[in-house]
């Protein structure tokens, strides 16, 4: 079941907000992206950043569960949202 891009962007923005509110993960995310908080605020609506947010959250099942539980989403929602954003259909073998 595919997700509309607008819905996927909303899920990714929720994930960004969830990360920003997580004092343990936020610095890890900033370090992984190399972006400052100002950069993230300025680029929050860009599809490539939103995809990166979802890619980061999906790196660890416990993060997926925590985010989904906090937002009331099913555990497949981040994956479906990522697939609806540009680059989400590409296979990554690394």
PDB file of N, CA and C in Angstrom:
ATOM      1  N   UNK A   1       0.855  -1.181   0.000  1.00  0.00           N
ATOM      2  CA  UNK A   1       0.000   0.000   0.000  1.00  0.00           C
ATOM      3  C   UNK A   1       0.897   1.238   0.000  1.00  0.00           C
ATOM      4  N   UNK A   2       0.813   2.016  -1.065  1.00  0.00           N
ATOM      5  CA  UNK A   2       1.690   3.176  -1.177  1.00  0.00           C
ATOM      6  C   UNK A   2       1.129   4.365  -0.402  1.00  0.00           C
ATOM      7  N   UNK A   3       2.011   5.291  -0.104  1.00  0.00           N
ATOM      8  CA  UNK A   3       1.673   6.463   0.674  1.00  0.00           C
ATOM      9  C   UNK A   3       1.822   7.688  -0.227  1.00  0.00           C
ATOM     10  N   UNK A   4       0.947   8.641  -0.062  1.00  0.00           N
ATOM     11  CA  UNK A   4       1.051   9.899  -0.802  1.00  0.00           C
ATOM     12  C   UNK A   4       2.279  10.674  -0.332  1.00  0.00           C
ATOM     13  N   UNK A   5       2.900  11.414  -1.259  1.00  0.00           N
ATOM     14  CA  UNK A   5       4.116  12.146  -0.911  1.00  0.00           C
ATOM     15  C   UNK A   5       3.880  13.148   0.217  1.00  0.00           C
ATOM     16  N   UNK A   6       2.750  13.838   0.195  1.00  0.00           N
ATOM     17  CA  UNK A   6       2.461  14.822   1.244  1.00  0.00           C
ATOM     18  C   UNK A   6       2.404  14.154   2.622  1.00  0.00           C
ATOM     19  N   UNK A   7       1.792  12.989   2.694  1.00  0.00           N
ATOM     20  CA  UNK A   7       1.731  12.240   3.949  1.00  0.00           C
ATOM     21  C   UNK A   7       3.129  11.800   4.369  1.00  0.00           C
ATOM     22  N   UNK A   8       3.923  11.350   3.398  1.00  0.00           N
ATOM     23  CA  UNK A   8       5.294  10.925   3.690  1.00  0.00           C
ATOM     24  C   UNK A   8       6.122  12.080   4.238  1.00  0.00           C
ATOM     25  N   UNK A   9       5.943  13.264   3.666  1.00  0.00           N
ATOM     26  CA  UNK A   9       6.668  14.439   4.161  1.00  0.00           C
ATOM     27  C   UNK A   9       6.249  14.772   5.590  1.00  0.00           C
ATOM     28  N   UNK A  10       4.975  14.621   5.887  1.00  0.00           N
ATOM     29  CA  UNK A  10       4.485  14.871   7.248  1.00  0.00           C
ATOM     30  C   UNK A  10       5.116  13.886   8.232  1.00  0.00           C
ATOM     31  N   UNK A  11       5.168  12.611   7.852  1.00  0.00           N
ATOM     32  CA  UNK A  11       5.789  11.597   8.712  1.00  0.00           C
ATOM     33  C   UNK A  11       7.263  11.936   8.943  1.00  0.00           C
ATOM     34  N   UNK A  12       7.962  12.349   7.890  1.00  0.00           N
ATOM     35  CA  UNK A  12       9.378  12.687   8.024  1.00  0.00           C
ATOM     36  C   UNK A  12       9.572  13.908   8.915  1.00  0.00           C
ATOM     37  N   UNK A  13       8.693  14.891   8.799  1.00  0.00           N
ATOM     38  CA  UNK A  13       8.779  16.068   9.683  1.00  0.00           C
ATOM     39  C   UNK A  13       8.504  15.665  11.133  1.00  0.00           C
ATOM     40  N   UNK A  14       7.580  14.738  11.343  1.00  0.00           N
ATOM     41  CA  UNK A  14       7.338  14.221  12.693  1.00  0.00           C
ATOM     42  C   UNK A  14       8.593  13.534  13.218  1.00  0.00           C
ATOM     43  N   UNK A  15       9.264  12.778  12.346  1.00  0.00           N
ATOM     44  CA  UNK A  15      10.498  12.094  12.751  1.00  0.00           C
ATOM     45  C   UNK A  15      11.585  13.101  13.093  1.00  0.00           C
ATOM     46  N   UNK A  16      11.680  14.177  12.317  1.00  0.00           N
ATOM     47  CA  UNK A  16      12.664  15.218  12.613  1.00  0.00           C
ATOM     48  C   UNK A  16      12.378  15.851  13.966  1.00  0.00           C
ATOM     49  N   UNK A  17      11.115  16.137  14.230  1.00  0.00           N
ATOM     50  CA  UNK A  17      10.728  16.688  15.534  1.00  0.00           C
ATOM     51  C   UNK A  17      11.013  15.723  16.673  1.00  0.00           C
ATOM     52  N   UNK A  18      10.758  14.447  16.425  1.00  0.00           N
ATOM     53  CA  UNK A  18      11.033  13.423  17.439  1.00  0.00           C
ATOM     54  C   UNK A  18      12.531  13.359  17.729  1.00  0.00           C
ATOM     55  N   UNK A  19      13.339  13.406  16.672  1.00  0.00           N
ATOM     56  CA  UNK A  19      14.796  13.397  16.864  1.00  0.00           C
ATOM     57  C   UNK A  19      15.259  14.621  17.636  1.00  0.00           C
ATOM     58  N   UNK A  20      14.725  15.777  17.271  1.00  0.00           N
ATOM     59  CA  UNK A  20      15.131  17.028  17.934  1.00  0.00           C
ATOM     60  C   UNK A  20      14.799  17.003  19.423  1.00  0.00           C
ATOM     61  N   UNK A  21      13.733  16.287  19.778  1.00  0.00           N
ATOM     62  CA  UNK A  21      13.335  16.183  21.176  1.00  0.00           C
ATOM     63  C   UNK A  21      14.041  15.072  21.934  1.00  0.00           C
ATOM     64  N   UNK A  22      14.888  14.319  21.258  1.00  0.00           N
ATOM     65  CA  UNK A  22      15.588  13.200  21.888  1.00  0.00           C
ATOM     66  C   UNK A  22      17.025  13.619  22.179  1.00  0.00           C
ATOM     67  N   UNK A  23      17.312  13.897  23.436  1.00  0.00           N
ATOM     68  CA  UNK A  23      18.632  14.437  23.790  1.00  0.00           C
ATOM     69  C   UNK A  23      19.777  13.470  23.540  1.00  0.00           C
ATOM     70  N   UNK A  24      19.488  12.182  23.448  1.00  0.00           N
ATOM     71  CA  UNK A  24      20.540  11.206  23.147  1.00  0.00           C
ATOM     72  C   UNK A  24      20.789  11.080  21.642  1.00  0.00           C
ATOM     73  N   UNK A  25      19.718  11.048  20.858  1.00  0.00           N
ATOM     74  CA  UNK A  25      19.861  10.830  19.420  1.00  0.00           C
ATOM     75  C   UNK A  25      20.144  12.090  18.616  1.00  0.00           C
ATOM     76  N   UNK A  26      19.661  13.238  19.083  1.00  0.00           N
ATOM     77  CA  UNK A  26      19.826  14.474  18.322  1.00  0.00           C
ATOM     78  C   UNK A  26      21.293  14.763  17.983  1.00  0.00           C
ATOM     79  N   UNK A  27      22.218  14.707  18.941  1.00  0.00           N
ATOM     80  CA  UNK A  27      23.611  14.958  18.573  1.00  0.00           C
ATOM     81  C   UNK A  27      24.171  13.904  17.611  1.00  0.00           C
ATOM     82  N   UNK A  28      23.699  12.670  17.724  1.00  0.00           N
ATOM     83  CA  UNK A  28      24.138  11.618  16.807  1.00  0.00           C
ATOM     84  C   UNK A  28      23.651  11.939  15.395  1.00  0.00           C
ATOM     85  N   UNK A  29      22.405  12.355  15.282  1.00  0.00           N
ATOM     86  CA  UNK A  29      21.856  12.714  13.984  1.00  0.00           C
ATOM     87  C   UNK A  29      22.611  13.900  13.390  1.00  0.00           C
ATOM     88  N   UNK A  30      22.843  14.923  14.187  1.00  0.00           N
ATOM     89  CA  UNK A  30      23.588  16.091  13.691  1.00  0.00           C
ATOM     90  C   UNK A  30      24.974  15.676  13.213  1.00  0.00           C
ATOM     91  N   UNK A  31      25.634  14.818  13.975  1.00  0.00           N
ATOM     92  CA  UNK A  31      26.952  14.342  13.585  1.00  0.00           C
ATOM     93  C   UNK A  31      26.918  13.528  12.306  1.00  0.00           C
ATOM     94  N   UNK A  32      25.885  12.716  12.159  1.00  0.00           N
ATOM     95  CA  UNK A  32      25.765  11.873  10.966  1.00  0.00           C
ATOM     96  C   UNK A  32      25.499  12.699   9.714  1.00  0.00           C
ATOM     97  N   UNK A  33      24.740  13.777   9.851  1.00  0.00           N
ATOM     98  CA  UNK A  33      24.398  14.592   8.688  1.00  0.00           C
ATOM     99  C   UNK A  33      25.448  15.667   8.422  1.00  0.00           C
ATOM    100  N   UNK A  34      26.172  16.064   9.464  1.00  0.00           N
ATOM    101  CA  UNK A  34      27.118  17.162   9.309  1.00  0.00           C
ATOM    102  C   UNK A  34      26.422  18.507   9.244  1.00  0.00           C
ATOM    103  N   UNK A  35      25.139  18.535   9.507  1.00  0.00           N
ATOM    104  CA  UNK A  35      24.356  19.767   9.429  1.00  0.00           C
ATOM    105  C   UNK A  35      24.229  20.412  10.807  1.00  0.00           C
ATOM    106  N   UNK A  36      24.074  21.708  10.798  1.00  0.00           N
ATOM    107  CA  UNK A  36      23.798  22.424  12.045  1.00  0.00           C
ATOM    108  C   UNK A  36      22.283  22.480  12.239  1.00  0.00           C
ATOM    109  N   UNK A  37      21.872  22.876  13.425  1.00  0.00           N
ATOM    110  CA  UNK A  37      20.438  23.020  13.666  1.00  0.00           C
ATOM    111  C   UNK A  37      19.844  24.078  12.742  1.00  0.00           C
ATOM    112  N   UNK A  38      20.598  25.143  12.472  1.00  0.00           N
ATOM    113  CA  UNK A  38      20.114  26.193  11.565  1.00  0.00           C
ATOM    114  C   UNK A  38      19.933  25.642  10.154  1.00  0.00           C
ATOM    115  N   UNK A  39      20.878  24.805   9.710  1.00  0.00           N
ATOM    116  CA  UNK A  39      20.757  24.170   8.388  1.00  0.00           C
ATOM    117  C   UNK A  39      19.473  23.348   8.321  1.00  0.00           C
ATOM    118  N   UNK A  40      19.229  22.575   9.364  1.00  0.00           N
ATOM    119  CA  UNK A  40      18.052  21.712   9.376  1.00  0.00           C
ATOM    120  C   UNK A  40      16.763  22.514   9.371  1.00  0.00           C
ATOM    121  N   UNK A  41      16.729  23.600  10.114  1.00  0.00           N
ATOM    122  CA  UNK A  41      15.530  24.446  10.108  1.00  0.00           C
ATOM    123  C   UNK A  41      15.301  25.026   8.716  1.00  0.00           C
ATOM    124  N   UNK A  42      16.373  25.459   8.062  1.00  0.00           N
ATOM    125  CA  UNK A  42      16.255  26.080   6.738  1.00  0.00           C
ATOM    126  C   UNK A  42      15.853  25.075   5.669  1.00  0.00           C
ATOM    127  N   UNK A  43      16.253  23.810   5.839  1.00  0.00           N
ATOM    128  CA  UNK A  43      16.035  22.797   4.803  1.00  0.00           C
ATOM    129  C   UNK A  43      14.954  21.780   5.166  1.00  0.00           C
ATOM    130  N   UNK A  44      14.210  22.019   6.228  1.00  0.00           N
ATOM    131  CA  UNK A  44      13.267  21.020   6.743  1.00  0.00           C
ATOM    132  C   UNK A  44      12.217  20.590   5.723  1.00  0.00           C
ATOM    133  N   UNK A  45      11.912  21.416   4.752  1.00  0.00           N
ATOM    134  CA  UNK A  45      10.887  21.060   3.773  1.00  0.00           C
ATOM    135  C   UNK A  45      11.459  20.377   2.532  1.00  0.00           C
ATOM    136  N   UNK A  46      12.775  20.220   2.464  1.00  0.00           N
ATOM    137  CA  UNK A  46      13.399  19.626   1.278  1.00  0.00           C
ATOM    138  C   UNK A  46      13.308  18.097   1.336  1.00  0.00           C
ATOM    139  N   UNK A  47      12.899  17.522   0.229  1.00  0.00           N
ATOM    140  CA  UNK A  47      12.665  16.076   0.172  1.00  0.00           C
ATOM    141  C   UNK A  47      13.918  15.266   0.471  1.00  0.00           C
ATOM    142  N   UNK A  48      15.098  15.744   0.045  1.00  0.00           N
ATOM    143  CA  UNK A  48      16.311  14.960   0.308  1.00  0.00           C
ATOM    144  C   UNK A  48      16.640  14.935   1.792  1.00  0.00           C
ATOM    145  N   UNK A  49      16.404  16.019   2.484  1.00  0.00           N
ATOM    146  CA  UNK A  49      16.626  16.037   3.937  1.00  0.00           C
ATOM    147  C   UNK A  49      15.610  15.142   4.638  1.00  0.00           C
ATOM    148  N   UNK A  50      14.363  15.223   4.218  1.00  0.00           N
ATOM    149  CA  UNK A  50      13.329  14.390   4.837  1.00  0.00           C
ATOM    150  C   UNK A  50      13.621  12.907   4.634  1.00  0.00           C
ATOM    151  N   UNK A  51      14.115  12.558   3.456  1.00  0.00           N
ATOM    152  CA  UNK A  51      14.521  11.175   3.220  1.00  0.00           C
ATOM    153  C   UNK A  51      15.657  10.759   4.125  1.00  0.00           C
ATOM    154  N   UNK A  52      16.616  11.667   4.333  1.00  0.00           N
ATOM    155  CA  UNK A  52      17.755  11.371   5.208  1.00  0.00           C
ATOM    156  C   UNK A  52      17.298  11.172   6.648  1.00  0.00           C
ATOM    157  N   UNK A  53      16.315  11.939   7.071  1.00  0.00           N
ATOM    158  CA  UNK A  53      15.768  11.783   8.427  1.00  0.00           C
ATOM    159  C   UNK A  53      15.199  10.377   8.586  1.00  0.00           C
ATOM    160  N   UNK A  54      14.400   9.953   7.622  1.00  0.00           N
ATOM    161  CA  UNK A  54      13.804   8.617   7.715  1.00  0.00           C
ATOM    162  C   UNK A  54      14.860   7.523   7.595  1.00  0.00           C
ATOM    163  N   UNK A  55      15.841   7.732   6.717  1.00  0.00           N
ATOM    164  CA  UNK A  55      16.935   6.757   6.609  1.00  0.00           C
ATOM    165  C   UNK A  55      17.630   6.597   7.953  1.00  0.00           C
ATOM    166  N   UNK A  56      17.867   7.706   8.639  1.00  0.00           N
ATOM    167  CA  UNK A  56      18.548   7.659   9.937  1.00  0.00           C
ATOM    168  C   UNK A  56      17.702   6.904  10.960  1.00  0.00           C
ATOM    169  N   UNK A  57      16.435   7.253  11.069  1.00  0.00           N
ATOM    170  CA  UNK A  57      15.563   6.595  12.054  1.00  0.00           C
ATOM    171  C   UNK A  57      15.493   5.093  11.790  1.00  0.00           C
ATOM    172  N   UNK A  58      15.473   4.709  10.511  1.00  0.00           N
ATOM    173  CA  UNK A  58      15.335   3.291  10.168  1.00  0.00           C
ATOM    174  C   UNK A  58      16.634   2.503  10.336  1.00  0.00           C
ATOM    175  N   UNK A  59      17.702   3.160  10.730  1.00  0.00           N
ATOM    176  CA  UNK A  59      18.963   2.449  10.962  1.00  0.00           C
ATOM    177  C   UNK A  59      18.897   1.521  12.168  1.00  0.00           C
ATOM    178  N   UNK A  60      17.959   1.760  13.071  1.00  0.00           N
ATOM    179  CA  UNK A  60      17.886   0.969  14.299  1.00  0.00           C
ATOM    180  C   UNK A  60      16.419   0.665  14.610  1.00  0.00           C
ATOM    181  N   UNK A  61      16.101  -0.598  14.751  1.00  0.00           N
ATOM    182  CA  UNK A  61      14.711  -0.992  15.020  1.00  0.00           C
ATOM    183  C   UNK A  61      14.160  -0.354  16.286  1.00  0.00           C
ATOM    184  N   UNK A  62      15.003  -0.174  17.295  1.00  0.00           N
ATOM    185  CA  UNK A  62      14.508   0.433  18.539  1.00  0.00           C
ATOM    186  C   UNK A  62      14.106   1.890  18.306  1.00  0.00           C
ATOM    187  N   UNK A  63      14.805   2.566  17.394  1.00  0.00           N
ATOM    188  CA  UNK A  63      14.436   3.954  17.068  1.00  0.00           C
ATOM    189  C   UNK A  63      13.106   3.978  16.330  1.00  0.00           C
ATOM    190  N   UNK A  64      12.909   3.025  15.414  1.00  0.00           N
ATOM    191  CA  UNK A  64      11.652   2.939  14.680  1.00  0.00           C
ATOM    192  C   UNK A  64      10.505   2.719  15.656  1.00  0.00           C
ATOM    193  N   UNK A  65      10.674   1.780  16.548  1.00  0.00           N
ATOM    194  CA  UNK A  65       9.624   1.466  17.521  1.00  0.00           C
ATOM    195  C   UNK A  65       9.334   2.684  18.403  1.00  0.00           C
ATOM    196  N   UNK A  66      10.377   3.333  18.908  1.00  0.00           N
ATOM    197  CA  UNK A  66      10.183   4.486  19.785  1.00  0.00           C
ATOM    198  C   UNK A  66       9.477   5.626  19.055  1.00  0.00           C
ATOM    199  N   UNK A  67       9.910   5.915  17.826  1.00  0.00           N
ATOM    200  CA  UNK A  67       9.264   6.979  17.051  1.00  0.00           C
ATOM    201  C   UNK A  67       7.810   6.638  16.776  1.00  0.00           C
ATOM    202  N   UNK A  68       7.557   5.425  16.283  1.00  0.00           N
ATOM    203  CA  UNK A  68       6.190   5.032  15.942  1.00  0.00           C
ATOM    204  C   UNK A  68       5.282   5.013  17.167  1.00  0.00           C
ATOM    205  N   UNK A  69       5.800   4.522  18.274  1.00  0.00           N
ATOM    206  CA  UNK A  69       5.010   4.519  19.507  1.00  0.00           C
ATOM    207  C   UNK A  69       4.683   5.948  19.943  1.00  0.00           C
ATOM    208  N   UNK A  70       5.649   6.841  19.825  1.00  0.00           N
ATOM    209  CA  UNK A  70       5.439   8.234  20.235  1.00  0.00           C
ATOM    210  C   UNK A  70       4.408   8.935  19.351  1.00  0.00           C
ATOM    211  N   UNK A  71       4.363   8.562  18.075  1.00  0.00           N
ATOM    212  CA  UNK A  71       3.463   9.221  17.122  1.00  0.00           C
ATOM    213  C   UNK A  71       2.168   8.457  16.869  1.00  0.00           C
ATOM    214  N   UNK A  72       2.079   7.239  17.399  1.00  0.00           N
ATOM    215  CA  UNK A  72       0.892   6.434  17.174  1.00  0.00           C
ATOM    216  C   UNK A  72       0.829   5.830  15.777  1.00  0.00           C
ATOM    217  N   UNK A  73       1.997   5.633  15.158  1.00  0.00           N
ATOM    218  CA  UNK A  73       2.075   5.050  13.819  1.00  0.00           C
ATOM    219  C   UNK A  73       2.316   3.547  13.903  1.00  0.00           C
ATOM    220  N   UNK A  74       1.899   2.832  12.864  1.00  0.00           N
ATOM    221  CA  UNK A  74       2.291   1.441  12.705  1.00  0.00           C
ATOM    222  C   UNK A  74       3.780   1.389  12.399  1.00  0.00           C
ATOM    223  N   UNK A  75       4.404   0.282  12.709  1.00  0.00           N
ATOM    224  CA  UNK A  75       5.867   0.186  12.565  1.00  0.00           C
ATOM    225  C   UNK A  75       6.338   0.184  11.106  1.00  0.00           C
ATOM    226  N   UNK A  76       5.425   0.010  10.177  1.00  0.00           N
ATOM    227  CA  UNK A  76       5.793   0.065   8.762  1.00  0.00           C
ATOM    228  C   UNK A  76       5.719   1.473   8.174  1.00  0.00           C
ATOM    229  N   UNK A  77       5.213   2.424   8.920  1.00  0.00           N
ATOM    230  CA  UNK A  77       4.993   3.773   8.394  1.00  0.00           C
ATOM    231  C   UNK A  77       6.291   4.462   7.957  1.00  0.00           C
ATOM    232  N   UNK A  78       7.374   4.432   8.749  1.00  0.00           N
ATOM    233  CA  UNK A  78       8.598   5.089   8.260  1.00  0.00           C
ATOM    234  C   UNK A  78       9.100   4.504   6.939  1.00  0.00           C
ATOM    235  N   UNK A  79       9.042   3.199   6.792  1.00  0.00           N
ATOM    236  CA  UNK A  79       9.494   2.558   5.557  1.00  0.00           C
ATOM    237  C   UNK A  79       8.600   2.958   4.379  1.00  0.00           C
ATOM    238  N   UNK A  80       7.303   2.979   4.600  1.00  0.00           N
ATOM    239  CA  UNK A  80       6.374   3.373   3.537  1.00  0.00           C
ATOM    240  C   UNK A  80       6.556   4.842   3.186  1.00  0.00           C
ATOM    241  N   UNK A  81       6.806   5.684   4.190  1.00  0.00           N
ATOM    242  CA  UNK A  81       7.034   7.106   3.938  1.00  0.00           C
ATOM    243  C   UNK A  81       8.318   7.295   3.142  1.00  0.00           C
ATOM    244  N   UNK A  82       9.356   6.568   3.511  1.00  0.00           N
ATOM    245  CA  UNK A  82      10.631   6.702   2.794  1.00  0.00           C
ATOM    246  C   UNK A  82      10.478   6.292   1.341  1.00  0.00           C
ATOM    247  N   UNK A  83       9.713   5.244   1.088  1.00  0.00           N
ATOM    248  CA  UNK A  83       9.503   4.780  -0.282  1.00  0.00           C
ATOM    249  C   UNK A  83       8.757   5.811  -1.126  1.00  0.00           C
ATOM    250  N   UNK A  84       7.955   6.668  -0.490  1.00  0.00           N
ATOM    251  CA  UNK A  84       7.174   7.672  -1.206  1.00  0.00           C
ATOM    252  C   UNK A  84       7.971   8.932  -1.514  1.00  0.00           C
ATOM    253  N   UNK A  85       9.154   9.071  -0.919  1.00  0.00           N
ATOM    254  CA  UNK A  85       9.996  10.247  -1.156  1.00  0.00           C
ATOM    255  C   UNK A  85      11.041   9.938  -2.216  1.00  0.00           C
ATOM    256  N   UNK A  86      11.569  10.968  -2.888  1.00  0.00           N
ATOM    257  CA  UNK A  86      12.586  10.738  -3.920  1.00  0.00           C
ATOM    258  C   UNK A  86      13.768   9.926  -3.382  1.00  0.00           C
ATOM    259  N   UNK A  87      14.165   8.942  -4.159  1.00  0.00           N
ATOM    260  CA  UNK A  87      15.289   8.083  -3.773  1.00  0.00           C
ATOM    261  C   UNK A  87      14.885   6.908  -2.905  1.00  0.00           C
ATOM    262  N   UNK A  88      13.657   6.870  -2.473  1.00  0.00           N
ATOM    263  CA  UNK A  88      13.194   5.813  -1.582  1.00  0.00           C
ATOM    264  C   UNK A  88      13.021   4.475  -2.268  1.00  0.00           C
ATOM    265  N   UNK A  89      12.924   4.486  -3.578  1.00  0.00           N
ATOM    266  CA  UNK A  89      12.723   3.248  -4.311  1.00  0.00           C
ATOM    267  C   UNK A  89      14.046   2.566  -4.635  1.00  0.00           C
ATOM    268  N   UNK A  90      15.148   3.271  -4.460  1.00  0.00           N
ATOM    269  CA  UNK A  90      16.457   2.734  -4.806  1.00  0.00           C
ATOM    270  C   UNK A  90      16.907   1.697  -3.782  1.00  0.00           C
ATOM    271  N   UNK A  91      17.566   0.659  -4.268  1.00  0.00           N
ATOM    272  CA  UNK A  91      18.111  -0.363  -3.386  1.00  0.00           C
ATOM    273  C   UNK A  91      19.480   0.060  -2.898  1.00  0.00           C
ATOM    274  N   UNK A  92      19.733  -0.107  -1.625  1.00  0.00           N
ATOM    275  CA  UNK A  92      21.034   0.203  -1.046  1.00  0.00           C
ATOM    276  C   UNK A  92      21.627  -1.102  -0.519  1.00  0.00           C
ATOM    277  N   UNK A  93      22.767  -1.480  -1.049  1.00  0.00           N
ATOM    278  CA  UNK A  93      23.375  -2.758  -0.687  1.00  0.00           C
ATOM    279  C   UNK A  93      24.544  -2.587   0.265  1.00  0.00           C
ATOM    280  N   UNK A  94      24.659  -1.447   0.898  1.00  0.00           N
ATOM    281  CA  UNK A  94      25.773  -1.226   1.829  1.00  0.00           C
ATOM    282  C   UNK A  94      25.324  -1.431   3.246  1.00  0.00           C
TER     283      UNK A  94
END
